[in-house]
């Protein structure tokens, strides 16, 4: 499972309550009252996304390294961060609005769509967010 950490600094932003950084959920101390079961489930969905993309990143890193990719093959390790950023930019270029780009990111869409479903993580299919893009 994950460990919940309370921080004075992270996550950054006035409205941010928590963030997932595998295998941790980091909760802003000043927003602790807003860390509801829905927010926790939202972050646990992100942890599931990070776990599956983490495995894919390790495999991709190994394949690129075996093909002679050198040290830069390590750039594939944080695959979730790359995917999240690329999806955000892609959505932003489609609407030129930061909030809409965040809300249209398939990784966020999955987390918001199922944060109120208690049994979702038990029945979640791998790479479920791909069907939302």
C-alpha atoms as a PDB file:
ATOM      1  CA  UNK A   1       0.000   0.000   0.000  1.00  0.00           C
ATOM      2  CA  UNK A   2       0.979   3.636   0.151  1.00  0.00           C
ATOM      3  CA  UNK A   3       2.213   5.876   2.915  1.00  0.00           C
ATOM      4  CA  UNK A   4       0.548   9.233   3.574  1.00  0.00           C
ATOM      5  CA  UNK A   5       2.977  12.071   4.327  1.00  0.00           C
ATOM      6  CA  UNK A   6       1.996  15.515   5.614  1.00  0.00           C
ATOM      7  CA  UNK A   7       4.053  18.422   4.291  1.00  0.00           C
ATOM      8  CA  UNK A   8       4.176  22.178   4.834  1.00  0.00           C
ATOM      9  CA  UNK A   9       5.405  22.815   1.286  1.00  0.00           C
ATOM     10  CA  UNK A  10       3.983  20.209  -1.090  1.00  0.00           C
ATOM     11  CA  UNK A  11       1.813  20.193  -3.043  1.00  0.00           C
ATOM     12  CA  UNK A  12       2.364  23.672  -4.417  1.00  0.00           C
ATOM     13  CA  UNK A  13      -0.705  25.800  -5.158  1.00  0.00           C
ATOM     14  CA  UNK A  14      -3.480  27.433  -3.165  1.00  0.00           C
ATOM     15  CA  UNK A  15      -6.151  24.891  -4.050  1.00  0.00           C
ATOM     16  CA  UNK A  16      -3.983  21.760  -3.999  1.00  0.00           C
ATOM     17  CA  UNK A  17      -4.777  19.360  -1.173  1.00  0.00           C
ATOM     18  CA  UNK A  18      -2.705  16.307  -2.030  1.00  0.00           C
ATOM     19  CA  UNK A  19      -0.527  14.737  -4.683  1.00  0.00           C
ATOM     20  CA  UNK A  20       0.540  11.218  -5.534  1.00  0.00           C
ATOM     21  CA  UNK A  21       4.203  10.401  -5.912  1.00  0.00           C
ATOM     22  CA  UNK A  22       4.585   6.637  -5.940  1.00  0.00           C
ATOM     23  CA  UNK A  23       4.446   5.079  -3.358  1.00  0.00           C
ATOM     24  CA  UNK A  24       3.423   8.142  -1.316  1.00  0.00           C
ATOM     25  CA  UNK A  25       0.464  10.467  -1.056  1.00  0.00           C
ATOM     26  CA  UNK A  26       1.690  13.889   0.056  1.00  0.00           C
ATOM     27  CA  UNK A  27      -0.928  16.009   1.836  1.00  0.00           C
ATOM     28  CA  UNK A  28      -0.459  19.703   2.525  1.00  0.00           C
ATOM     29  CA  UNK A  29      -0.697  20.202   6.302  1.00  0.00           C
ATOM     30  CA  UNK A  30      -2.624  23.453   5.957  1.00  0.00           C
ATOM     31  CA  UNK A  31      -5.236  21.709   3.759  1.00  0.00           C
ATOM     32  CA  UNK A  32      -5.465  18.565   5.909  1.00  0.00           C
ATOM     33  CA  UNK A  33      -9.195  19.116   6.563  1.00  0.00           C
ATOM     34  CA  UNK A  34      -9.828  18.845   2.822  1.00  0.00           C
ATOM     35  CA  UNK A  35      -8.163  15.416   2.571  1.00  0.00           C
ATOM     36  CA  UNK A  36     -11.423  13.484   2.292  1.00  0.00           C
ATOM     37  CA  UNK A  37     -11.893   9.818   1.350  1.00  0.00           C
ATOM     38  CA  UNK A  38     -12.702  11.046  -2.179  1.00  0.00           C
ATOM     39  CA  UNK A  39      -9.412  12.933  -2.439  1.00  0.00           C
ATOM     40  CA  UNK A  40      -7.537   9.918  -1.069  1.00  0.00           C
ATOM     41  CA  UNK A  41      -9.189   7.626  -3.639  1.00  0.00           C
ATOM     42  CA  UNK A  42      -8.390  10.158  -6.377  1.00  0.00           C
ATOM     43  CA  UNK A  43      -4.711  10.043  -5.387  1.00  0.00           C
ATOM     44  CA  UNK A  44      -4.755   6.238  -5.114  1.00  0.00           C
ATOM     45  CA  UNK A  45      -5.995   6.082  -8.714  1.00  0.00           C
ATOM     46  CA  UNK A  46      -2.960   8.175  -9.670  1.00  0.00           C
ATOM     47  CA  UNK A  47      -0.760   5.720  -7.740  1.00  0.00           C
ATOM     48  CA  UNK A  48      -2.211   2.866  -9.810  1.00  0.00           C
ATOM     49  CA  UNK A  49      -1.472   4.850 -12.986  1.00  0.00           C
ATOM     50  CA  UNK A  50       2.067   5.516 -11.783  1.00  0.00           C
ATOM     51  CA  UNK A  51       2.647   1.850 -10.971  1.00  0.00           C
ATOM     52  CA  UNK A  52       1.629   0.660 -14.433  1.00  0.00           C
ATOM     53  CA  UNK A  53       3.544   3.381 -16.280  1.00  0.00           C
ATOM     54  CA  UNK A  54       6.508   2.774 -13.955  1.00  0.00           C
ATOM     55  CA  UNK A  55       6.715  -0.854 -15.076  1.00  0.00           C
ATOM     56  CA  UNK A  56       6.426   0.256 -18.706  1.00  0.00           C
ATOM     57  CA  UNK A  57       9.157   2.848 -18.095  1.00  0.00           C
ATOM     58  CA  UNK A  58      11.507   0.208 -16.672  1.00  0.00           C
ATOM     59  CA  UNK A  59      10.894  -2.059 -19.662  1.00  0.00           C
ATOM     60  CA  UNK A  60      11.392   0.817 -22.113  1.00  0.00           C
ATOM     61  CA  UNK A  61      14.593   1.870 -20.324  1.00  0.00           C
ATOM     62  CA  UNK A  62      15.963  -1.673 -20.510  1.00  0.00           C
ATOM     63  CA  UNK A  63      15.110  -2.008 -24.203  1.00  0.00           C
ATOM     64  CA  UNK A  64      16.688   1.316 -25.122  1.00  0.00           C
ATOM     65  CA  UNK A  65      19.787   0.545 -23.017  1.00  0.00           C
ATOM     66  CA  UNK A  66      20.159  -2.892 -24.633  1.00  0.00           C
ATOM     67  CA  UNK A  67      19.900  -1.256 -28.048  1.00  0.00           C
ATOM     68  CA  UNK A  68      22.894   0.910 -27.139  1.00  0.00           C
ATOM     69  CA  UNK A  69      20.930   3.921 -25.986  1.00  0.00           C
ATOM     70  CA  UNK A  70      23.452   4.957 -23.353  1.00  0.00           C
ATOM     71  CA  UNK A  71      22.740   6.989 -20.238  1.00  0.00           C
ATOM     72  CA  UNK A  72      19.811   8.889 -21.768  1.00  0.00           C
ATOM     73  CA  UNK A  73      17.796   5.661 -21.790  1.00  0.00           C
ATOM     74  CA  UNK A  74      17.201   6.494 -18.103  1.00  0.00           C
ATOM     75  CA  UNK A  75      14.902   9.310 -19.245  1.00  0.00           C
ATOM     76  CA  UNK A  76      12.195   6.684 -19.792  1.00  0.00           C
ATOM     77  CA  UNK A  77      12.082   5.794 -16.081  1.00  0.00           C
ATOM     78  CA  UNK A  78       9.725   8.596 -14.986  1.00  0.00           C
ATOM     79  CA  UNK A  79       7.313   7.690 -17.796  1.00  0.00           C
ATOM     80  CA  UNK A  80       4.243   8.841 -15.831  1.00  0.00           C
ATOM     81  CA  UNK A  81       5.641  12.360 -15.474  1.00  0.00           C
ATOM     82  CA  UNK A  82       6.429  12.537 -19.189  1.00  0.00           C
ATOM     83  CA  UNK A  83       2.968  11.233 -20.104  1.00  0.00           C
ATOM     84  CA  UNK A  84       1.231  13.608 -17.714  1.00  0.00           C
ATOM     85  CA  UNK A  85       3.157  16.606 -19.065  1.00  0.00           C
ATOM     86  CA  UNK A  86       2.689  15.645 -22.722  1.00  0.00           C
ATOM     87  CA  UNK A  87      -1.030  15.027 -22.277  1.00  0.00           C
ATOM     88  CA  UNK A  88      -1.398  18.343 -20.467  1.00  0.00           C
ATOM     89  CA  UNK A  89       0.434  20.255 -23.221  1.00  0.00           C
ATOM     90  CA  UNK A  90      -1.553  18.447 -25.917  1.00  0.00           C
ATOM     91  CA  UNK A  91      -4.845  19.368 -24.236  1.00  0.00           C
ATOM     92  CA  UNK A  92      -3.647  22.931 -23.569  1.00  0.00           C
ATOM     93  CA  UNK A  93      -2.815  23.437 -27.246  1.00  0.00           C
ATOM     94  CA  UNK A  94      -6.379  22.404 -28.037  1.00  0.00           C
ATOM     95  CA  UNK A  95      -8.068  24.934 -25.747  1.00  0.00           C
ATOM     96  CA  UNK A  96      -5.460  27.494 -24.536  1.00  0.00           C
ATOM     97  CA  UNK A  97      -6.866  27.296 -21.009  1.00  0.00           C
ATOM     98  CA  UNK A  98      -4.826  25.906 -18.072  1.00  0.00           C
ATOM     99  CA  UNK A  99      -7.811  24.668 -16.050  1.00  0.00           C
ATOM    100  CA  UNK A 100      -9.502  22.992 -19.018  1.00  0.00           C
ATOM    101  CA  UNK A 101      -6.214  21.360 -20.042  1.00  0.00           C
ATOM    102  CA  UNK A 102      -5.881  19.941 -16.518  1.00  0.00           C
ATOM    103  CA  UNK A 103      -9.504  18.734 -16.494  1.00  0.00           C
ATOM    104  CA  UNK A 104      -9.202  17.171 -19.973  1.00  0.00           C
ATOM    105  CA  UNK A 105      -6.022  15.255 -19.151  1.00  0.00           C
ATOM    106  CA  UNK A 106      -7.102  11.569 -19.349  1.00  0.00           C
ATOM    107  CA  UNK A 107      -5.078  10.738 -16.223  1.00  0.00           C
ATOM    108  CA  UNK A 108      -7.091  13.328 -14.281  1.00  0.00           C
ATOM    109  CA  UNK A 109     -10.341  12.406 -16.009  1.00  0.00           C
ATOM    110  CA  UNK A 110     -10.071   8.826 -14.741  1.00  0.00           C
ATOM    111  CA  UNK A 111      -9.221   9.961 -11.205  1.00  0.00           C
ATOM    112  CA  UNK A 112     -12.120  12.442 -11.052  1.00  0.00           C
ATOM    113  CA  UNK A 113     -14.596  10.086 -12.716  1.00  0.00           C
ATOM    114  CA  UNK A 114     -14.033   7.308 -10.188  1.00  0.00           C
ATOM    115  CA  UNK A 115     -12.983   9.062  -6.979  1.00  0.00           C
ATOM    116  CA  UNK A 116     -16.488   8.499  -5.574  1.00  0.00           C
ATOM    117  CA  UNK A 117     -16.548   4.772  -6.453  1.00  0.00           C
ATOM    118  CA  UNK A 118     -15.276   2.797  -3.430  1.00  0.00           C
ATOM    119  CA  UNK A 119     -14.735  -0.465  -5.334  1.00  0.00           C
ATOM    120  CA  UNK A 120     -13.138   1.051  -8.423  1.00  0.00           C
ATOM    121  CA  UNK A 121      -9.504   0.275  -7.647  1.00  0.00           C
ATOM    122  CA  UNK A 122     -10.305  -3.402  -7.048  1.00  0.00           C
ATOM    123  CA  UNK A 123     -11.963  -3.712 -10.464  1.00  0.00           C
ATOM    124  CA  UNK A 124      -9.862  -1.178 -12.399  1.00  0.00           C
ATOM    125  CA  UNK A 125      -8.420  -2.457 -15.655  1.00  0.00           C
ATOM    126  CA  UNK A 126      -4.785  -1.598 -16.424  1.00  0.00           C
ATOM    127  CA  UNK A 127      -4.326   1.470 -18.602  1.00  0.00           C
ATOM    128  CA  UNK A 128      -7.998   2.426 -18.092  1.00  0.00           C
ATOM    129  CA  UNK A 129      -7.188   6.102 -18.658  1.00  0.00           C
ATOM    130  CA  UNK A 130      -6.332   5.386 -22.310  1.00  0.00           C
ATOM    131  CA  UNK A 131     -10.014   4.962 -23.125  1.00  0.00           C
ATOM    132  CA  UNK A 132     -10.654   8.507 -21.869  1.00  0.00           C
ATOM    133  CA  UNK A 133      -8.272  10.297 -24.217  1.00  0.00           C
END
